[in-house]
């Protein structure tokens, strides 16, 4: 009958590597695309207008403690200047007669004051066992125009 052309009767038991490499490359590309999408963090919807909440009426009272920081080197309690080292004792003396729910300190900071300076003031306040700290800002900042 006939002779076989180009082959044998034996079975080929080797793995065909070409389709496996194709599948692995497709998986690699998928992981390269998906991995950065998983590392972006939390999505936050930003407010469209720059409105601040209403001002606390306690700020304007004579019994409230307001710390003013006009620049990086000066701290004022009321209208009296205090160095950062003495600020804690002054706040502690002013708060000793107040009930725990009324122990709040307000901080007014200038635009050019470094973030670290405000954090130092907050640390001094927290060391006096005061947990309520209010940051005072203008009612509305910016140009006042909203983009919808």
Protein backbone atom coordinates (compact mmCIF):
# COMPACT_ATOMS: atom_id res chain seq x y z
CA UNK A 1 0.00 0.00 0.00
CA UNK A 2 1.73 3.09 0.59
CA UNK A 3 4.62 4.55 2.39
CA UNK A 4 4.06 7.35 4.85
CA UNK A 5 5.22 10.71 3.79
CA UNK A 6 6.66 13.12 6.38
CA UNK A 7 5.68 11.46 9.64
CA UNK A 8 5.86 8.50 11.95
CA UNK A 9 3.32 6.30 13.68
CA UNK A 10 4.49 7.50 17.12
CA UNK A 11 2.55 9.94 19.24
CA UNK A 12 4.21 13.25 20.14
CA UNK A 13 4.16 13.59 23.94
CA UNK A 14 5.94 16.97 24.16
CA UNK A 15 4.11 20.09 25.34
CA UNK A 16 3.38 22.58 22.60
CA UNK A 17 4.95 25.71 24.15
CA UNK A 18 3.80 28.29 21.61
CA UNK A 19 0.12 28.54 22.76
CA UNK A 20 1.25 28.56 26.40
CA UNK A 21 3.59 31.51 25.74
CA UNK A 22 0.77 33.35 23.96
CA UNK A 23 -1.55 32.88 26.96
CA UNK A 24 1.16 34.00 29.40
CA UNK A 25 1.87 37.16 27.40
CA UNK A 26 -1.83 38.04 27.31
CA UNK A 27 -2.07 37.54 31.10
CA UNK A 28 1.05 39.68 31.62
CA UNK A 29 -0.45 42.51 29.57
CA UNK A 30 -3.73 42.30 31.49
CA UNK A 31 -1.93 42.49 34.85
CA UNK A 32 0.21 45.40 33.65
CA UNK A 33 -2.94 47.34 32.77
CA UNK A 34 -4.99 46.44 35.86
CA UNK A 35 -2.32 46.90 38.57
CA UNK A 36 -2.00 50.73 38.36
CA UNK A 37 -5.79 51.05 38.47
CA UNK A 38 -5.86 49.23 41.81
CA UNK A 39 -3.34 51.60 43.45
CA UNK A 40 -5.04 54.98 42.98
CA UNK A 41 -6.63 55.26 46.43
CA UNK A 42 -10.03 56.50 47.55
CA UNK A 43 -12.21 58.51 45.21
CA UNK A 44 -13.42 61.76 46.76
CA UNK A 45 -16.07 64.09 45.38
CA UNK A 46 -14.76 67.61 45.91
CA UNK A 47 -17.20 70.40 46.78
CA UNK A 48 -18.00 72.70 43.90
CA UNK A 49 -18.29 75.87 45.99
CA UNK A 50 -15.87 77.23 48.53
CA UNK A 51 -18.42 77.98 51.25
CA UNK A 52 -17.31 77.58 54.84
CA UNK A 53 -19.66 76.58 57.64
CA UNK A 54 -21.24 79.31 59.74
CA UNK A 55 -19.03 80.95 62.32
CA UNK A 56 -19.29 79.63 65.86
CA UNK A 57 -20.82 82.37 68.06
CA UNK A 58 -18.48 81.34 70.90
CA UNK A 59 -15.49 82.86 69.08
CA UNK A 60 -16.56 86.45 69.74
CA UNK A 61 -17.24 85.98 73.46
CA UNK A 62 -14.78 87.39 76.00
CA UNK A 63 -14.52 84.02 77.77
CA UNK A 64 -13.34 82.15 74.67
CA UNK A 65 -9.67 81.40 74.12
CA UNK A 66 -8.46 82.55 70.71
CA UNK A 67 -4.84 82.10 69.65
CA UNK A 68 -3.76 84.38 66.80
CA UNK A 69 -0.72 83.45 64.72
CA UNK A 70 0.00 86.39 62.39
CA UNK A 71 3.41 85.06 61.29
CA UNK A 72 5.70 82.10 62.00
CA UNK A 73 7.32 83.62 65.12
CA UNK A 74 4.50 85.31 67.06
CA UNK A 75 1.65 83.82 69.08
CA UNK A 76 -1.05 85.94 70.70
CA UNK A 77 -3.68 84.97 73.25
CA UNK A 78 -6.24 87.72 72.96
CA UNK A 79 -4.05 90.77 72.34
CA UNK A 80 -1.12 89.68 74.49
CA UNK A 81 1.96 88.12 72.83
CA UNK A 82 3.31 84.84 74.25
CA UNK A 83 6.22 82.68 73.14
CA UNK A 84 5.37 79.10 72.20
CA UNK A 85 7.01 77.81 75.38
CA UNK A 86 4.65 79.82 77.64
CA UNK A 87 1.54 79.31 75.53
CA UNK A 88 0.66 76.03 77.23
CA UNK A 89 0.64 77.47 80.76
CA UNK A 90 -1.48 80.46 79.69
CA UNK A 91 -4.06 78.19 78.04
CA UNK A 92 -4.08 75.85 81.04
CA UNK A 93 -4.77 78.77 83.41
CA UNK A 94 -7.56 80.11 81.20
CA UNK A 95 -9.25 76.69 80.91
CA UNK A 96 -9.01 75.49 84.51
CA UNK A 97 -12.50 76.75 85.53
CA UNK A 98 -14.36 75.63 82.38
CA UNK A 99 -16.35 72.39 82.20
CA UNK A 100 -14.91 69.71 79.88
CA UNK A 101 -17.55 70.23 77.18
CA UNK A 102 -16.76 73.99 76.99
CA UNK A 103 -12.98 73.57 76.76
CA UNK A 104 -12.33 74.68 73.21
CA UNK A 105 -9.47 76.76 71.80
CA UNK A 106 -9.75 78.65 68.52
CA UNK A 107 -6.75 79.26 66.26
CA UNK A 108 -6.58 82.14 63.80
CA UNK A 109 -3.66 81.82 61.42
CA UNK A 110 -2.31 84.18 58.79
CA UNK A 111 -2.11 83.19 55.14
CA UNK A 112 1.70 83.14 55.13
CA UNK A 113 2.06 81.03 58.29
CA UNK A 114 3.68 77.64 57.72
CA UNK A 115 1.63 74.51 58.35
CA UNK A 116 4.25 73.30 60.84
CA UNK A 117 3.82 76.41 63.00
CA UNK A 118 0.08 75.76 63.35
CA UNK A 119 0.77 72.10 64.16
CA UNK A 120 3.19 73.16 66.91
CA UNK A 121 0.47 75.33 68.44
CA UNK A 122 -2.01 72.45 68.22
CA UNK A 123 0.49 70.14 69.96
CA UNK A 124 0.90 72.65 72.81
CA UNK A 125 -2.89 72.87 73.18
CA UNK A 126 -3.35 69.09 73.15
CA UNK A 127 -0.77 68.70 75.92
CA UNK A 128 -3.11 70.73 78.16
CA UNK A 129 -5.83 68.00 77.87
CA UNK A 130 -7.89 70.03 75.40
CA UNK A 131 -9.34 67.97 72.57
CA UNK A 132 -11.56 70.55 70.89
CA UNK A 133 -9.66 72.91 68.64
CA UNK A 134 -11.35 75.23 66.17
CA UNK A 135 -9.57 76.62 63.13
CA UNK A 136 -10.95 80.02 62.18
CA UNK A 137 -11.12 81.00 58.51
CA UNK A 138 -12.82 83.61 56.36
CA UNK A 139 -16.41 82.98 55.38
CA UNK A 140 -15.56 82.58 51.71
CA UNK A 141 -12.17 82.33 50.03
CA UNK A 142 -11.32 82.65 46.37
CA UNK A 143 -12.98 84.49 43.51
CA UNK A 144 -16.53 83.60 44.52
CA UNK A 145 -17.38 82.11 41.14
CA UNK A 146 -18.49 78.51 40.92
CA UNK A 147 -18.06 76.25 37.94
CA UNK A 148 -20.92 73.86 37.35
